[in-house]
Each structure stands twice: as C-alpha cells, then as structure tokens.
Amino acid sequence: MFTWVNKEQGGKNKEGDMFQTVTEGLQSLYAKKLLPLEETYLFHDFHSPALEEADFQNKPMVLLVGQYSTGKTTFIRYLLEQDFPGMRIGPEPTTDGFIAVMYNENEGIVPGNALVVDPKKPFRKLNAFGNAFLNRFICSQMPNQVLQSISIIDTPGILSGEKQRISRGYDFSEVLRWFGERVDRIILLFDAHKLDISDEFSHAIKAFRGQDDKIRVVLNKADQVDTQQLMRVYGALMWSLGKVINTPEVVRVYLGSFWGKPLQNAENRRLFEAETQDLFKDIQSLPRNAAFLRMIDVIIRGGLVEVHAYIISYLKKEMPSLFGKEKKKEELIAQLPEIYKILQREHHISPGDFPNVIKMQEQLQHYDFSKFPSLKVKLIESVDRMLSTKISSLLNMIREEESKQPTQMVMGGAFEDSSDGPFGHLTYGEGISAGADTEDWIVSRDKHRYDEIFYTLMPINGKVTGINAKKEMMNSRLPNTVLGKIWKLADCDKDGMLDDEEFALAQHLIKIKLEGFELPTELPNHLVPPSHRKNPTADILYNHQED
C-alpha cells in the first residue's frame, strides 16, 4: 500500500507493523519503542505523563493565553460567530478557570472531574493537578463547524499587581506547560492599552520554553489607538517580549481588532484586514499539518527521553555499592552542571537538549539514586532506530496521504469563504481591481495630469521614446525590476515607445505600486487603453474577408 511496506511479508514491515495512517503509525511506534524507555527511567515522574490514544487521535488544539481583559473569550466568540456554553465576558477577570471548547452534536458543559475519566478526551492526565484545578476546568461542547476541525482552550486571565499574589490553589504555570506540550498552537493575546508583562505572565510564557515554534502573538484592540501610537505600542510590545522569549528570531505579531464591532480608528483598516487573513491562514493550516506536528512532538520527546536516560543511568553508575550513599547523592546533585557537560561530550548531545538544571536538582532530592536503573543500550538503540528510520518512513506516508485526501482546512464561523462577494478580497475595488466595475477607463480620470507630463517629454509622432519615458518613470524611485514590469504592461503594441494613453497607463500602474498593491502578470481588460482595444465587429468582418 505504501512504498516502505514490504509486500512479500503480507503488507508488514520487518517487525510486523502495519500502519494505515500516519497517526496510527506514530501511536504504535510510541507505545512499542519510546514508552518502554520512558517507564524504565521514570521519565513521567520527572517531566511529562505518558501519551495516550486521545493525544494522537484528537483534533488540533489552540491555546489562548493572556492577561485579564485582553479579549481571549471574545476572540473565541469572534472565531465561532456564536456564544458557547460557560462563556462570560467583562472587563474584570471573568474567566476564572480553563474552558476546553470542543465539538459535540449536543450542546452542554462537562465538568473537569468527568473529563479526566473520559478516554476519548486528551485530558486524563490532568487529574494529577488535583481537585483545586479540576473544579476550575470544564469542557464546553457545541455543534459548531469551526470546532469540527479544531478545539480551543480558553485560560484564566493572568493577574497583575496585588491580584497575582492570590493563590489559585494549583500550579498555574505547570498546567500551562502541560497544555503547551500537547496543543498545536499557542496564541498570546495583548491589549494595546495593557502591554506590561506581570510576573505571573512572565512565568506563564517561560512555561512554554521548548515550544517556541508553536507561539504566535496577537496585539488585540489595535483599532483603539491611532497610527503613531500603534507604532509605539508595537515597538514596546516587541521590547517586552524580547526580555521574556529568549529566541534570536522575532516572534510573529498579528495586529487587529478581533470582535464584530466597528473599528474605532479605520485608518489602518487595510493593515488589520491583511493581518487577520494571515492569522486565519495560520490557524486553518493546523488540520492539514496535524500529523506532521504530532510527529515533531514525538521527535522532540524522544530526544528528551534519551537525554533523561543518560542522566539517570550516569547517576546510578556513580553511586557507591555500600556506604556513603547520601553524601555521594548530595555531591552528584551539586555537580549536575558538570555532569551535563560530561554527557554532552560523551554522547554528542547539544546543550539545549538538557532539562533545566535547577529544576532537575530539586526533583532529584526525592529519589534514591542506588535504585535507578543502569544504562540499557538496547532500549536506547531501539529509540534511535525509531527516530532515524521509522519516522522518516512515516514522513513519506504524510506526502501520500496529502495527495490522496482533500485538503483539510478550518471552515465555518469567521473562516467562512466570502470570496464570491465584494468583501472576499482585500484589494477588491482597489489597486489593480479599481475600475473593473465601471464603464469608463479609470485611467482617464487622471489623464489630464499625465498628459501635461507627457508633452514635456518631446513626443515624436505622438509617442515618447523609451529613453525619455525612463527618465520620468525613475522619478518614482521604484526598482528597475518593477519599472521594467510596468513598461511591459503599458507598452501594449510592443513598439518600444509609449503614446499618450500608454504613458498614462504606466503612470497609473506606478501609482498602484506606490500605494502598496501588487502588479498583475498580465494587463486586465479594464485597464487596456481604449485605442488599443480590439473591435469585435471589425474582427468578424476581417475574418470573413480572409475566408
């Protein structure tokens, strides 16, 4: 069925595995190769609970995080275009718990204590955070088309000032880290009037360390400031994020106003529309890339598990057999940074692949090193083969699945296709599309101004040469590559010269480009100069005479 399957063995590979889908293959490889290594070296106690079937089979999830009153719940309402059960919106911290908004034919709310015993939901391992968390966790179910493709996780508004000193009753940052490892997209929402990153928000963002490729930033309510203020707000936001997100690349920030009310400042309307479409495309790509994203998560997890195995087995090896165990344990914990360096050289591991040394030191205090397992080379080699060969085979299956199945995209709600109407395209009635729905030639509206310039260029027999036209066109300061494209579009008869209509067209195309719109590959019919348009009646008579 697939290129990597050995047909002589009855459609199975050398180890008897037969995978019909990429997701099924990942799930099987994890259970047979990676999970045994995790269980042997207590990976679940130190880092992350074991993955279950629901973690592989569920829809892509989007996690919304932000300070209170930044519009997280309103953002979900904007995407779904309808209220969802349990929704509360207000300027104060209204969402005091986690809400998983998911698809179901029957609308309703499922409490957290029921969610963690449902094998079909990917939340079973959240019971480790206790009733204090589960009492503030619900699943909001409803029959919405958007939720047929993705699930959305709403989080409590992150507190600031005196409020953040109030205990939530559970480890908020650890819960966010748990979700961050399992979701496909993390959206950090900021308010244009609330850019300060509180201590709790900073800890929340740091909880996503290692998941940087999933993070997107939305500067919401951007219509409430003018252009000059927006420029300053954007700069301040990037400066604040740079101190918290330690990556050399600039994080992607989307500007807009994500609710259904009129824009307070419409001068940046085109910018907001473009940013909204970019964000929608990013979210819409999640179902199509779901299998690939799951694969990346398994690869990252596999690397972390191997490093953890090397650390645990090294500590076991250094422990004395009889006396001085406690003293040696304290020495090894204190020497953990040096142990990391030894393992880096010995196993050729990147420094960034090791867990946080301080957190690891704190966790190791509670374990008896002498009971740790020794290094089991076969388990390590099995995971290595999985990462080097099995995963690459699944990558081929992804391409094959994409070629056989229709493109999966988020539909419905705010993602509903409106390309058939006048609001379906950002440039409808603007740029190159301007004048498409009028009878007159749109260039003629400014042709009197272009004619004044045209006659200063000393036209010969009603046309200006390319040399004279070039001097004028270069006043626009557009690159030669762009001006060359404009020349090809404007020189309709391809004689290397421009008459007054062609020159006016060239000036019109320059204006379009300077306004930030793109140029077409071919000149649209409504922009062809009247004198260069074909006469259908004359063509019929000409063809008849030829016959």
Foldseek 3Di string as FASTA:
>chain_A
DAPQFDVVVVRAHPVRDHDPALLRLVVVLCVPFVVVLCVQQVVCVQPNHDFASLLSPPAFEEEEAAAAQLCQLQLVCQQQVHDWPPDDDDRPFPLLAKEKEAEDDDWDKAFQVVQLPDRNHRCVVVCVQDPLRRRSYMYTYHHTLLRVHYIYMYGTHQDADPVNVDDSSTDPLVVLLNVLLRHQAYEYGAELVGQDQHPRNLSNLVSNPVSLVRYAYEHALLLVDDPVSSVVSVVSNQVNVCVRDPDPDRHHYAYAHRHDDDRPHCPCVLSRVVSVVVVQVVQFCCSLCVSVSVLVSVLLVLLLSLLSLVLLQVLLVQADPDPDRVVSLVVCLVCVVVVLVVCCVVVVDDSVSYPDSVSVSVSSVPDRSNPRDHRDVVSNVSSVCCNPPVSVSSVSSSVVVPVPDDRGTRDGRPNDQPCVDQPRDSQRCHQLNPQVPPDDQVLVVCLVVLVVVVVVLPADPQKHALVSLVVVLCVLVDDPVQLVQLLVQLPLVPPRIHGSLSSSLSVSNSVSVVVPDDDDNHRDPSNPDPVSDDDVVVVVVVVVVVD
